[in-house]
N, C-alpha and C. Protein backbone atom coordinates (compact mmCIF):
# COMPACT_ATOMS: atom_id res chain seq x y z
N UNK A 1 13.44 30.87 -29.60
CA UNK A 1 12.91 30.01 -28.56
C UNK A 1 14.05 29.47 -27.70
N UNK A 2 15.00 30.31 -27.38
CA UNK A 2 16.14 29.89 -26.59
C UNK A 2 15.79 29.63 -25.12
N UNK A 3 14.72 30.24 -24.60
CA UNK A 3 14.34 29.99 -23.22
C UNK A 3 13.52 28.73 -23.05
N UNK A 4 12.78 28.39 -24.07
CA UNK A 4 11.88 27.24 -23.97
C UNK A 4 12.21 26.20 -25.02
N UNK A 5 12.67 25.07 -24.58
CA UNK A 5 12.92 23.96 -25.48
C UNK A 5 11.72 23.02 -25.38
N UNK A 6 11.00 22.87 -26.48
CA UNK A 6 9.78 22.06 -26.44
C UNK A 6 10.03 20.62 -26.02
N UNK A 7 11.20 20.08 -26.33
CA UNK A 7 11.48 18.70 -25.94
C UNK A 7 11.51 18.54 -24.42
N UNK A 8 11.95 19.54 -23.71
CA UNK A 8 11.98 19.43 -22.25
C UNK A 8 10.61 19.72 -21.64
N UNK A 9 9.74 20.34 -22.39
CA UNK A 9 8.41 20.65 -21.88
C UNK A 9 7.43 19.50 -22.10
N UNK A 10 7.70 18.62 -23.02
CA UNK A 10 6.78 17.54 -23.32
C UNK A 10 7.36 16.22 -22.88
N UNK A 11 6.48 15.30 -22.61
CA UNK A 11 6.89 13.96 -22.23
C UNK A 11 5.98 12.96 -22.91
N UNK A 12 6.54 11.83 -23.27
CA UNK A 12 5.75 10.73 -23.79
C UNK A 12 5.28 9.92 -22.58
N UNK A 13 3.99 9.66 -22.49
CA UNK A 13 3.42 8.93 -21.36
C UNK A 13 2.90 7.58 -21.84
N UNK A 14 3.29 6.52 -21.14
CA UNK A 14 2.91 5.16 -21.51
C UNK A 14 2.37 4.43 -20.29
N UNK A 15 1.43 3.55 -20.56
CA UNK A 15 0.82 2.75 -19.50
C UNK A 15 1.49 1.39 -19.45
N UNK A 16 2.03 1.05 -18.28
CA UNK A 16 2.69 -0.23 -18.05
C UNK A 16 1.95 -0.99 -16.96
N UNK A 17 1.57 -2.22 -17.26
CA UNK A 17 0.89 -3.07 -16.29
C UNK A 17 1.91 -3.95 -15.59
N UNK A 18 1.83 -4.04 -14.27
CA UNK A 18 2.62 -4.99 -13.51
C UNK A 18 1.61 -5.98 -12.93
N UNK A 19 1.70 -7.23 -13.40
CA UNK A 19 0.67 -8.19 -13.04
C UNK A 19 1.24 -9.59 -12.84
N UNK A 20 0.45 -10.43 -12.21
CA UNK A 20 0.83 -11.80 -11.94
C UNK A 20 0.11 -12.28 -10.69
N UNK A 21 0.33 -13.53 -10.33
CA UNK A 21 -0.34 -14.09 -9.15
C UNK A 21 -0.01 -13.32 -7.88
N UNK A 22 -0.79 -13.56 -6.85
CA UNK A 22 -0.59 -12.86 -5.58
C UNK A 22 0.70 -13.33 -4.90
N UNK A 23 1.26 -12.42 -4.14
CA UNK A 23 2.42 -12.68 -3.29
C UNK A 23 3.69 -13.04 -4.05
N UNK A 24 3.85 -12.48 -5.26
CA UNK A 24 5.08 -12.73 -6.03
C UNK A 24 6.05 -11.55 -5.95
N UNK A 25 5.61 -10.44 -5.37
CA UNK A 25 6.50 -9.29 -5.19
C UNK A 25 6.31 -8.16 -6.18
N UNK A 26 5.14 -8.05 -6.79
CA UNK A 26 4.89 -6.99 -7.78
C UNK A 26 5.06 -5.60 -7.15
N UNK A 27 4.37 -5.37 -6.06
CA UNK A 27 4.44 -4.07 -5.38
C UNK A 27 5.85 -3.83 -4.84
N UNK A 28 6.49 -4.87 -4.34
CA UNK A 28 7.85 -4.72 -3.81
C UNK A 28 8.82 -4.32 -4.90
N UNK A 29 8.66 -4.86 -6.11
CA UNK A 29 9.51 -4.45 -7.23
C UNK A 29 9.33 -2.97 -7.53
N UNK A 30 8.09 -2.51 -7.56
CA UNK A 30 7.79 -1.11 -7.84
C UNK A 30 8.39 -0.22 -6.76
N UNK A 31 8.19 -0.59 -5.49
CA UNK A 31 8.71 0.21 -4.39
C UNK A 31 10.24 0.21 -4.37
N UNK A 32 10.85 -0.91 -4.72
CA UNK A 32 12.31 -0.95 -4.79
C UNK A 32 12.81 0.02 -5.85
N UNK A 33 12.14 0.04 -7.01
CA UNK A 33 12.58 0.94 -8.07
C UNK A 33 12.32 2.41 -7.73
N UNK A 34 11.12 2.72 -7.30
CA UNK A 34 10.75 4.12 -7.09
C UNK A 34 11.34 4.73 -5.82
N UNK A 35 11.43 3.94 -4.75
CA UNK A 35 11.84 4.48 -3.46
C UNK A 35 13.09 3.82 -2.90
N UNK A 36 13.66 2.87 -3.64
CA UNK A 36 14.80 2.08 -3.16
C UNK A 36 14.52 1.56 -1.76
N UNK A 37 13.33 0.97 -1.61
CA UNK A 37 12.85 0.51 -0.31
C UNK A 37 12.32 -0.91 -0.44
N UNK A 38 12.43 -1.68 0.63
CA UNK A 38 11.88 -3.04 0.67
C UNK A 38 11.35 -3.29 2.07
N UNK A 39 10.13 -3.81 2.14
CA UNK A 39 9.52 -4.16 3.42
C UNK A 39 9.35 -5.67 3.47
N UNK A 40 9.79 -6.28 4.57
CA UNK A 40 9.68 -7.74 4.73
C UNK A 40 8.23 -8.19 4.84
N UNK A 41 7.38 -7.37 5.43
CA UNK A 41 5.99 -7.77 5.63
C UNK A 41 5.22 -7.71 4.32
N UNK A 42 4.30 -8.64 4.15
CA UNK A 42 3.49 -8.72 2.93
C UNK A 42 2.15 -8.04 3.16
N UNK A 43 1.85 -7.08 2.31
CA UNK A 43 0.55 -6.43 2.32
C UNK A 43 -0.02 -6.55 0.91
N UNK A 44 -1.12 -7.25 0.77
CA UNK A 44 -1.71 -7.46 -0.54
C UNK A 44 -2.20 -6.14 -1.14
N UNK A 45 -2.02 -5.99 -2.45
CA UNK A 45 -2.59 -4.84 -3.15
C UNK A 45 -4.08 -5.09 -3.28
N UNK A 46 -4.86 -4.17 -2.79
CA UNK A 46 -6.31 -4.29 -2.86
C UNK A 46 -6.76 -3.62 -4.15
N UNK A 47 -7.03 -4.42 -5.15
CA UNK A 47 -7.47 -3.90 -6.44
C UNK A 47 -6.32 -3.46 -7.31
N UNK A 48 -6.02 -2.14 -7.26
CA UNK A 48 -5.04 -1.56 -8.17
C UNK A 48 -4.25 -0.48 -7.45
N UNK A 49 -2.96 -0.42 -7.73
CA UNK A 49 -2.12 0.67 -7.26
C UNK A 49 -1.57 1.42 -8.46
N UNK A 50 -1.41 2.71 -8.34
CA UNK A 50 -0.91 3.53 -9.45
C UNK A 50 0.34 4.29 -9.00
N UNK A 51 1.35 4.28 -9.89
CA UNK A 51 2.60 4.99 -9.64
C UNK A 51 3.08 5.59 -10.95
N UNK A 52 4.07 6.47 -10.84
CA UNK A 52 4.65 7.10 -12.03
C UNK A 52 6.16 7.03 -11.92
N UNK A 53 6.80 6.68 -13.03
CA UNK A 53 8.27 6.66 -13.11
C UNK A 53 8.68 7.44 -14.34
N UNK A 54 9.71 8.29 -14.21
CA UNK A 54 10.19 9.12 -15.32
C UNK A 54 11.58 8.68 -15.75
N UNK A 55 11.83 8.78 -17.05
CA UNK A 55 13.11 8.40 -17.64
C UNK A 55 13.51 9.45 -18.65
N UNK A 56 14.79 9.78 -18.69
CA UNK A 56 15.31 10.74 -19.66
C UNK A 56 16.03 10.00 -20.78
N UNK A 57 15.62 10.28 -22.01
CA UNK A 57 16.27 9.76 -23.20
C UNK A 57 16.79 10.95 -23.99
N UNK A 58 17.77 10.76 -24.87
CA UNK A 58 18.27 11.89 -25.65
C UNK A 58 17.17 12.63 -26.41
N UNK A 59 16.13 11.90 -26.83
CA UNK A 59 15.04 12.51 -27.59
C UNK A 59 13.98 13.14 -26.71
N UNK A 60 14.07 12.95 -25.40
CA UNK A 60 13.08 13.53 -24.51
C UNK A 60 12.71 12.62 -23.36
N UNK A 61 11.77 13.07 -22.58
CA UNK A 61 11.35 12.37 -21.37
C UNK A 61 10.29 11.32 -21.67
N UNK A 62 10.41 10.18 -21.00
CA UNK A 62 9.40 9.12 -21.05
C UNK A 62 8.86 8.94 -19.64
N UNK A 63 7.55 8.94 -19.52
CA UNK A 63 6.90 8.73 -18.24
C UNK A 63 6.08 7.44 -18.32
N UNK A 64 6.35 6.56 -17.37
CA UNK A 64 5.56 5.33 -17.28
C UNK A 64 4.51 5.50 -16.20
N UNK A 65 3.27 5.31 -16.59
CA UNK A 65 2.19 5.20 -15.63
C UNK A 65 2.16 3.72 -15.26
N UNK A 66 2.65 3.39 -14.06
CA UNK A 66 2.82 2.00 -13.64
C UNK A 66 1.58 1.57 -12.87
N UNK A 67 0.85 0.61 -13.44
CA UNK A 67 -0.39 0.12 -12.86
C UNK A 67 -0.11 -1.23 -12.21
N UNK A 68 -0.19 -1.26 -10.89
CA UNK A 68 0.07 -2.45 -10.08
C UNK A 68 -1.26 -3.16 -9.84
N UNK A 69 -1.44 -4.30 -10.50
CA UNK A 69 -2.72 -5.00 -10.44
C UNK A 69 -2.68 -6.08 -9.37
N UNK A 70 -3.64 -6.04 -8.44
CA UNK A 70 -3.73 -7.05 -7.39
C UNK A 70 -3.87 -8.44 -7.99
N UNK A 71 -3.21 -9.42 -7.38
CA UNK A 71 -3.16 -10.77 -7.93
C UNK A 71 -4.29 -11.69 -7.49
N UNK A 72 -5.10 -11.27 -6.54
CA UNK A 72 -6.17 -12.14 -6.06
C UNK A 72 -7.20 -12.39 -7.15
N UNK A 73 -7.70 -13.60 -7.21
CA UNK A 73 -8.69 -13.98 -8.22
C UNK A 73 -9.94 -13.08 -8.15
N UNK A 74 -10.30 -12.64 -6.97
CA UNK A 74 -11.50 -11.82 -6.80
C UNK A 74 -11.42 -10.47 -7.52
N UNK A 75 -10.21 -10.07 -7.95
CA UNK A 75 -10.05 -8.78 -8.63
C UNK A 75 -10.01 -8.91 -10.16
N UNK A 76 -10.34 -10.08 -10.70
CA UNK A 76 -10.24 -10.30 -12.14
C UNK A 76 -11.03 -9.28 -12.94
N UNK A 77 -12.28 -9.05 -12.59
CA UNK A 77 -13.11 -8.11 -13.35
C UNK A 77 -12.53 -6.70 -13.28
N UNK A 78 -12.04 -6.30 -12.12
CA UNK A 78 -11.43 -4.98 -11.96
C UNK A 78 -10.16 -4.87 -12.80
N UNK A 79 -9.33 -5.90 -12.76
CA UNK A 79 -8.09 -5.89 -13.55
C UNK A 79 -8.38 -5.70 -15.03
N UNK A 80 -9.37 -6.41 -15.53
CA UNK A 80 -9.70 -6.34 -16.96
C UNK A 80 -9.98 -4.92 -17.41
N UNK A 81 -10.50 -4.08 -16.54
CA UNK A 81 -10.80 -2.69 -16.89
C UNK A 81 -9.53 -1.86 -17.12
N UNK A 82 -8.42 -2.29 -16.54
CA UNK A 82 -7.18 -1.53 -16.64
C UNK A 82 -6.30 -1.99 -17.81
N UNK A 83 -6.65 -3.08 -18.47
CA UNK A 83 -5.84 -3.59 -19.57
C UNK A 83 -5.84 -2.66 -20.78
N UNK A 84 -6.99 -2.08 -21.08
CA UNK A 84 -7.10 -1.25 -22.29
C UNK A 84 -6.10 -0.09 -22.26
N UNK A 85 -5.50 0.16 -23.40
CA UNK A 85 -4.58 1.28 -23.55
C UNK A 85 -3.18 1.02 -23.03
N UNK A 86 -2.89 -0.21 -22.67
CA UNK A 86 -1.55 -0.54 -22.15
C UNK A 86 -0.56 -0.67 -23.29
N UNK A 87 0.64 -0.14 -23.06
CA UNK A 87 1.70 -0.26 -24.06
C UNK A 87 2.79 -1.24 -23.65
N UNK A 88 2.76 -1.70 -22.40
CA UNK A 88 3.80 -2.61 -21.90
C UNK A 88 3.23 -3.42 -20.75
N UNK A 89 3.70 -4.67 -20.63
CA UNK A 89 3.28 -5.52 -19.52
C UNK A 89 4.51 -6.11 -18.85
N UNK A 90 4.46 -6.17 -17.53
CA UNK A 90 5.48 -6.84 -16.74
C UNK A 90 4.75 -7.95 -15.98
N UNK A 91 4.98 -9.20 -16.40
CA UNK A 91 4.36 -10.37 -15.78
C UNK A 91 5.34 -10.97 -14.78
N UNK A 92 4.93 -11.07 -13.52
CA UNK A 92 5.84 -11.47 -12.45
C UNK A 92 5.42 -12.81 -11.85
N UNK A 93 6.41 -13.68 -11.61
CA UNK A 93 6.19 -14.90 -10.85
C UNK A 93 7.30 -15.02 -9.81
N UNK A 94 7.13 -15.94 -8.88
CA UNK A 94 8.08 -16.17 -7.79
C UNK A 94 8.87 -17.43 -8.14
N UNK A 95 10.20 -17.31 -8.25
CA UNK A 95 11.03 -18.46 -8.64
C UNK A 95 11.01 -19.57 -7.59
N UNK A 96 10.49 -19.30 -6.39
CA UNK A 96 10.43 -20.32 -5.34
C UNK A 96 9.05 -20.97 -5.24
N UNK A 97 8.11 -20.56 -6.08
CA UNK A 97 6.75 -21.11 -6.06
C UNK A 97 6.33 -21.53 -7.47
N UNK A 98 6.40 -22.81 -7.76
CA UNK A 98 6.08 -23.35 -9.09
C UNK A 98 4.70 -22.92 -9.57
N UNK A 99 3.71 -22.92 -8.70
CA UNK A 99 2.33 -22.60 -9.11
C UNK A 99 2.25 -21.20 -9.71
N UNK A 100 3.04 -20.25 -9.21
CA UNK A 100 2.99 -18.88 -9.75
C UNK A 100 3.52 -18.85 -11.18
N UNK A 101 4.52 -19.65 -11.47
CA UNK A 101 5.06 -19.75 -12.82
C UNK A 101 4.05 -20.42 -13.75
N UNK A 102 3.44 -21.48 -13.27
CA UNK A 102 2.46 -22.22 -14.08
C UNK A 102 1.24 -21.38 -14.43
N UNK A 103 0.94 -20.35 -13.64
CA UNK A 103 -0.21 -19.48 -13.90
C UNK A 103 0.06 -18.40 -14.95
N UNK A 104 1.31 -18.12 -15.25
CA UNK A 104 1.65 -17.01 -16.15
C UNK A 104 0.96 -17.11 -17.51
N UNK A 105 0.94 -18.28 -18.18
CA UNK A 105 0.23 -18.32 -19.48
C UNK A 105 -1.23 -17.91 -19.39
N UNK A 106 -1.91 -18.24 -18.29
CA UNK A 106 -3.31 -17.83 -18.12
C UNK A 106 -3.41 -16.31 -17.99
N UNK A 107 -2.50 -15.71 -17.24
CA UNK A 107 -2.50 -14.26 -17.09
C UNK A 107 -2.27 -13.60 -18.45
N UNK A 108 -1.32 -14.12 -19.19
CA UNK A 108 -1.00 -13.56 -20.51
C UNK A 108 -2.19 -13.71 -21.46
N UNK A 109 -2.79 -14.89 -21.49
CA UNK A 109 -3.94 -15.13 -22.37
C UNK A 109 -5.10 -14.20 -22.02
N UNK A 110 -5.35 -14.00 -20.73
CA UNK A 110 -6.43 -13.12 -20.31
C UNK A 110 -6.18 -11.69 -20.78
N UNK A 111 -4.94 -11.25 -20.68
CA UNK A 111 -4.57 -9.90 -21.14
C UNK A 111 -4.81 -9.79 -22.65
N UNK A 112 -4.31 -10.75 -23.40
CA UNK A 112 -4.44 -10.72 -24.87
C UNK A 112 -5.90 -10.72 -25.28
N UNK A 113 -6.71 -11.57 -24.66
CA UNK A 113 -8.14 -11.62 -24.98
C UNK A 113 -8.84 -10.33 -24.61
N UNK A 114 -8.49 -9.75 -23.48
CA UNK A 114 -9.17 -8.55 -22.99
C UNK A 114 -8.87 -7.32 -23.83
N UNK A 115 -7.67 -7.24 -24.40
CA UNK A 115 -7.35 -6.07 -25.22
C UNK A 115 -7.47 -6.38 -26.71
N UNK A 116 -7.97 -7.56 -27.02
CA UNK A 116 -8.26 -7.95 -28.41
C UNK A 116 -7.03 -7.83 -29.31
N UNK A 117 -5.92 -8.40 -28.87
CA UNK A 117 -4.72 -8.41 -29.70
C UNK A 117 -4.83 -9.57 -30.66
N UNK A 118 -4.67 -9.29 -31.95
CA UNK A 118 -4.72 -10.37 -32.94
C UNK A 118 -3.47 -11.22 -32.83
N UNK A 119 -3.50 -12.41 -33.43
CA UNK A 119 -2.38 -13.33 -33.37
C UNK A 119 -1.08 -12.77 -33.90
N UNK A 120 -1.15 -11.84 -34.84
CA UNK A 120 0.06 -11.28 -35.44
C UNK A 120 0.67 -10.17 -34.60
N UNK A 121 -0.07 -9.65 -33.63
CA UNK A 121 0.42 -8.54 -32.82
C UNK A 121 0.77 -9.04 -31.41
N UNK A 122 1.67 -8.35 -30.77
CA UNK A 122 1.98 -8.66 -29.38
C UNK A 122 2.05 -7.36 -28.61
N UNK A 123 1.89 -7.47 -27.30
CA UNK A 123 2.11 -6.31 -26.44
C UNK A 123 3.53 -6.47 -25.91
N UNK A 124 4.35 -5.45 -26.05
CA UNK A 124 5.73 -5.55 -25.56
C UNK A 124 5.73 -5.75 -24.05
N UNK A 125 6.73 -6.47 -23.59
CA UNK A 125 6.79 -6.65 -22.16
C UNK A 125 7.90 -7.54 -21.68
N UNK A 126 7.79 -7.86 -20.40
CA UNK A 126 8.81 -8.65 -19.71
C UNK A 126 8.15 -9.73 -18.88
N UNK A 127 8.82 -10.87 -18.83
CA UNK A 127 8.50 -11.92 -17.88
C UNK A 127 9.56 -11.81 -16.79
N UNK A 128 9.13 -11.81 -15.53
CA UNK A 128 10.05 -11.57 -14.43
C UNK A 128 9.97 -12.70 -13.41
N UNK A 129 11.11 -13.34 -13.19
CA UNK A 129 11.26 -14.30 -12.11
C UNK A 129 11.81 -13.54 -10.91
N UNK A 130 10.98 -13.30 -9.92
CA UNK A 130 11.38 -12.52 -8.75
C UNK A 130 11.80 -13.44 -7.61
N UNK A 131 12.46 -12.86 -6.63
CA UNK A 131 12.93 -13.52 -5.41
C UNK A 131 14.16 -14.40 -5.65
N UNK A 132 15.04 -13.95 -6.55
CA UNK A 132 16.25 -14.73 -6.81
C UNK A 132 17.22 -14.71 -5.63
N UNK A 133 16.98 -13.85 -4.66
CA UNK A 133 17.80 -13.87 -3.44
C UNK A 133 17.57 -15.14 -2.63
N UNK A 134 16.50 -15.87 -2.92
CA UNK A 134 16.17 -17.12 -2.24
C UNK A 134 16.61 -18.32 -3.08
N UNK A 135 17.82 -18.28 -3.59
CA UNK A 135 18.35 -19.29 -4.52
C UNK A 135 18.22 -20.71 -3.97
N UNK A 136 18.41 -20.92 -2.70
CA UNK A 136 18.32 -22.27 -2.11
C UNK A 136 16.91 -22.84 -2.18
N UNK A 137 15.91 -21.97 -2.31
CA UNK A 137 14.52 -22.41 -2.36
C UNK A 137 13.96 -22.43 -3.78
N UNK A 138 14.79 -22.12 -4.74
CA UNK A 138 14.36 -21.99 -6.14
C UNK A 138 13.82 -23.32 -6.69
N UNK A 139 12.67 -23.22 -7.40
CA UNK A 139 12.08 -24.41 -8.03
C UNK A 139 11.83 -24.21 -9.53
N UNK A 140 11.98 -22.99 -10.02
CA UNK A 140 11.80 -22.69 -11.45
C UNK A 140 13.17 -22.32 -12.01
N UNK A 141 13.63 -23.08 -13.00
CA UNK A 141 14.96 -22.82 -13.54
C UNK A 141 14.96 -21.63 -14.49
N UNK A 142 16.12 -21.04 -14.64
CA UNK A 142 16.30 -19.93 -15.57
C UNK A 142 15.94 -20.38 -16.98
N UNK A 143 16.33 -21.57 -17.37
CA UNK A 143 16.09 -22.06 -18.73
C UNK A 143 14.60 -22.19 -19.05
N UNK A 144 13.83 -22.77 -18.13
CA UNK A 144 12.40 -22.92 -18.42
C UNK A 144 11.69 -21.57 -18.44
N UNK A 145 12.12 -20.64 -17.62
CA UNK A 145 11.53 -19.30 -17.64
C UNK A 145 11.89 -18.57 -18.94
N UNK A 146 13.14 -18.70 -19.39
CA UNK A 146 13.53 -18.09 -20.66
C UNK A 146 12.75 -18.69 -21.82
N UNK A 147 12.50 -19.99 -21.78
CA UNK A 147 11.70 -20.63 -22.84
C UNK A 147 10.28 -20.07 -22.87
N UNK A 148 9.67 -19.91 -21.70
CA UNK A 148 8.32 -19.34 -21.65
C UNK A 148 8.33 -17.91 -22.17
N UNK A 149 9.33 -17.14 -21.79
CA UNK A 149 9.43 -15.75 -22.26
C UNK A 149 9.50 -15.72 -23.79
N UNK A 150 10.28 -16.61 -24.38
CA UNK A 150 10.37 -16.67 -25.85
C UNK A 150 9.02 -16.99 -26.48
N UNK A 151 8.32 -17.97 -25.90
CA UNK A 151 7.00 -18.36 -26.41
C UNK A 151 6.04 -17.18 -26.38
N UNK A 152 6.09 -16.39 -25.31
CA UNK A 152 5.18 -15.25 -25.13
C UNK A 152 5.71 -13.97 -25.78
N UNK A 153 6.88 -14.04 -26.42
CA UNK A 153 7.53 -12.87 -27.04
C UNK A 153 7.81 -11.77 -26.02
N UNK A 154 8.29 -12.17 -24.87
CA UNK A 154 8.64 -11.24 -23.80
C UNK A 154 10.14 -11.35 -23.50
N UNK A 155 10.71 -10.31 -22.94
CA UNK A 155 12.10 -10.34 -22.49
C UNK A 155 12.11 -10.88 -21.06
N UNK A 156 13.06 -11.75 -20.75
CA UNK A 156 13.11 -12.36 -19.42
C UNK A 156 14.11 -11.65 -18.51
N UNK A 157 13.67 -11.37 -17.28
CA UNK A 157 14.51 -10.79 -16.24
C UNK A 157 14.38 -11.65 -14.99
N UNK A 158 15.48 -11.78 -14.27
CA UNK A 158 15.44 -12.35 -12.93
C UNK A 158 15.78 -11.23 -11.97
N UNK A 159 14.94 -11.05 -10.95
CA UNK A 159 15.08 -9.91 -10.05
C UNK A 159 14.98 -10.34 -8.59
N UNK A 160 15.39 -9.42 -7.75
CA UNK A 160 15.15 -9.53 -6.32
C UNK A 160 14.72 -8.16 -5.83
N UNK A 161 13.47 -8.05 -5.44
CA UNK A 161 13.01 -6.79 -4.86
C UNK A 161 13.71 -6.55 -3.52
N UNK A 162 14.10 -7.63 -2.85
CA UNK A 162 14.74 -7.51 -1.55
C UNK A 162 16.11 -6.85 -1.65
N UNK A 163 16.97 -7.35 -2.56
CA UNK A 163 18.32 -6.76 -2.66
C UNK A 163 18.49 -5.82 -3.85
N UNK A 164 17.44 -5.67 -4.67
CA UNK A 164 17.47 -4.73 -5.78
C UNK A 164 18.06 -5.26 -7.08
N UNK A 165 18.46 -6.53 -7.10
CA UNK A 165 19.09 -7.10 -8.30
C UNK A 165 18.20 -6.96 -9.54
N UNK A 166 18.73 -6.28 -10.55
CA UNK A 166 18.14 -6.14 -11.89
C UNK A 166 16.80 -5.40 -11.94
N UNK A 167 16.42 -4.75 -10.85
CA UNK A 167 15.14 -4.02 -10.82
C UNK A 167 15.21 -2.78 -11.71
N UNK A 168 16.30 -2.03 -11.64
CA UNK A 168 16.44 -0.84 -12.48
C UNK A 168 16.43 -1.21 -13.96
N UNK A 169 17.12 -2.30 -14.30
CA UNK A 169 17.16 -2.76 -15.69
C UNK A 169 15.77 -3.11 -16.21
N UNK A 170 14.96 -3.73 -15.35
CA UNK A 170 13.59 -4.10 -15.71
C UNK A 170 12.77 -2.87 -16.08
N UNK A 171 12.78 -1.85 -15.24
CA UNK A 171 11.96 -0.67 -15.50
C UNK A 171 12.54 0.17 -16.64
N UNK A 172 13.86 0.21 -16.76
CA UNK A 172 14.44 0.91 -17.90
C UNK A 172 14.03 0.23 -19.21
N UNK A 173 14.02 -1.11 -19.22
CA UNK A 173 13.58 -1.84 -20.41
C UNK A 173 12.13 -1.47 -20.77
N UNK A 174 11.28 -1.36 -19.76
CA UNK A 174 9.88 -0.98 -20.01
C UNK A 174 9.81 0.38 -20.69
N UNK A 175 10.54 1.34 -20.15
CA UNK A 175 10.53 2.69 -20.74
C UNK A 175 11.14 2.69 -22.13
N UNK A 176 12.25 1.99 -22.30
CA UNK A 176 12.93 1.96 -23.60
C UNK A 176 12.09 1.27 -24.66
N UNK A 177 11.40 0.19 -24.31
CA UNK A 177 10.58 -0.49 -25.32
C UNK A 177 9.37 0.35 -25.71
N UNK A 178 8.79 1.07 -24.75
CA UNK A 178 7.69 1.99 -25.09
C UNK A 178 8.20 3.11 -25.98
N UNK A 179 9.34 3.66 -25.63
CA UNK A 179 9.94 4.74 -26.41
C UNK A 179 10.28 4.27 -27.83
N UNK A 180 10.82 3.07 -27.94
CA UNK A 180 11.16 2.51 -29.25
C UNK A 180 9.90 2.28 -30.09
N UNK A 181 8.86 1.76 -29.48
CA UNK A 181 7.61 1.55 -30.20
C UNK A 181 7.06 2.86 -30.72
N UNK A 182 7.11 3.90 -29.90
CA UNK A 182 6.64 5.22 -30.32
C UNK A 182 7.47 5.77 -31.47
N UNK A 183 8.78 5.58 -31.40
CA UNK A 183 9.68 6.06 -32.43
C UNK A 183 9.37 5.37 -33.77
N UNK A 184 9.14 4.05 -33.71
CA UNK A 184 8.80 3.31 -34.94
C UNK A 184 7.49 3.78 -35.54
N UNK A 185 6.51 4.06 -34.69
CA UNK A 185 5.21 4.51 -35.18
C UNK A 185 5.33 5.88 -35.84
N UNK A 186 6.09 6.79 -35.18
CA UNK A 186 6.24 8.15 -35.73
C UNK A 186 7.13 8.18 -36.98
N UNK A 187 8.07 7.25 -37.10
CA UNK A 187 8.97 7.23 -38.24
C UNK A 187 8.41 6.48 -39.44
N UNK A 188 7.34 5.69 -39.25
CA UNK A 188 6.80 4.94 -40.38
C UNK A 188 6.03 5.85 -41.33
N UNK A 189 6.03 5.51 -42.63
CA UNK A 189 5.35 6.37 -43.60
C UNK A 189 3.85 6.38 -43.46
């Protein structure tokens, strides 16, 4: 089988949710990562957006199906349909808007209730404070965001979709944590 290496022919595919209140930069983070692009104008995601990101690991390829969930309250029922089967969550808030940070526990609780995660289990993921390029307007401190991330068992990232700060690290973490979870499942007796 020297012509065909099965590891290069197969890929592990994982579903990653990018969610949070409206106007926090969820779509901008995705576009910055996938296309290295940023648009100043705000266009709300109507319902759901779908994208794919690929990552190469020594053990093989990991593909993230990135589900961009619209933040408007009117899309709650639609969002709930996309929660099932998720292996990773990226919860985003705007460091310059306190209300977006204060809403994160509700978003997390809704996700946990919708996918019926028991108290002993967690969904791997990240809490993201976006718009760090607007440091002068910042109202949510790094410390309080890190504390919330610990409470929710999430890894904390501070990003800027505008200048690209830490965006690659965020998506690589998503792929790596999905890959690690899969490795643990396959290696367990």
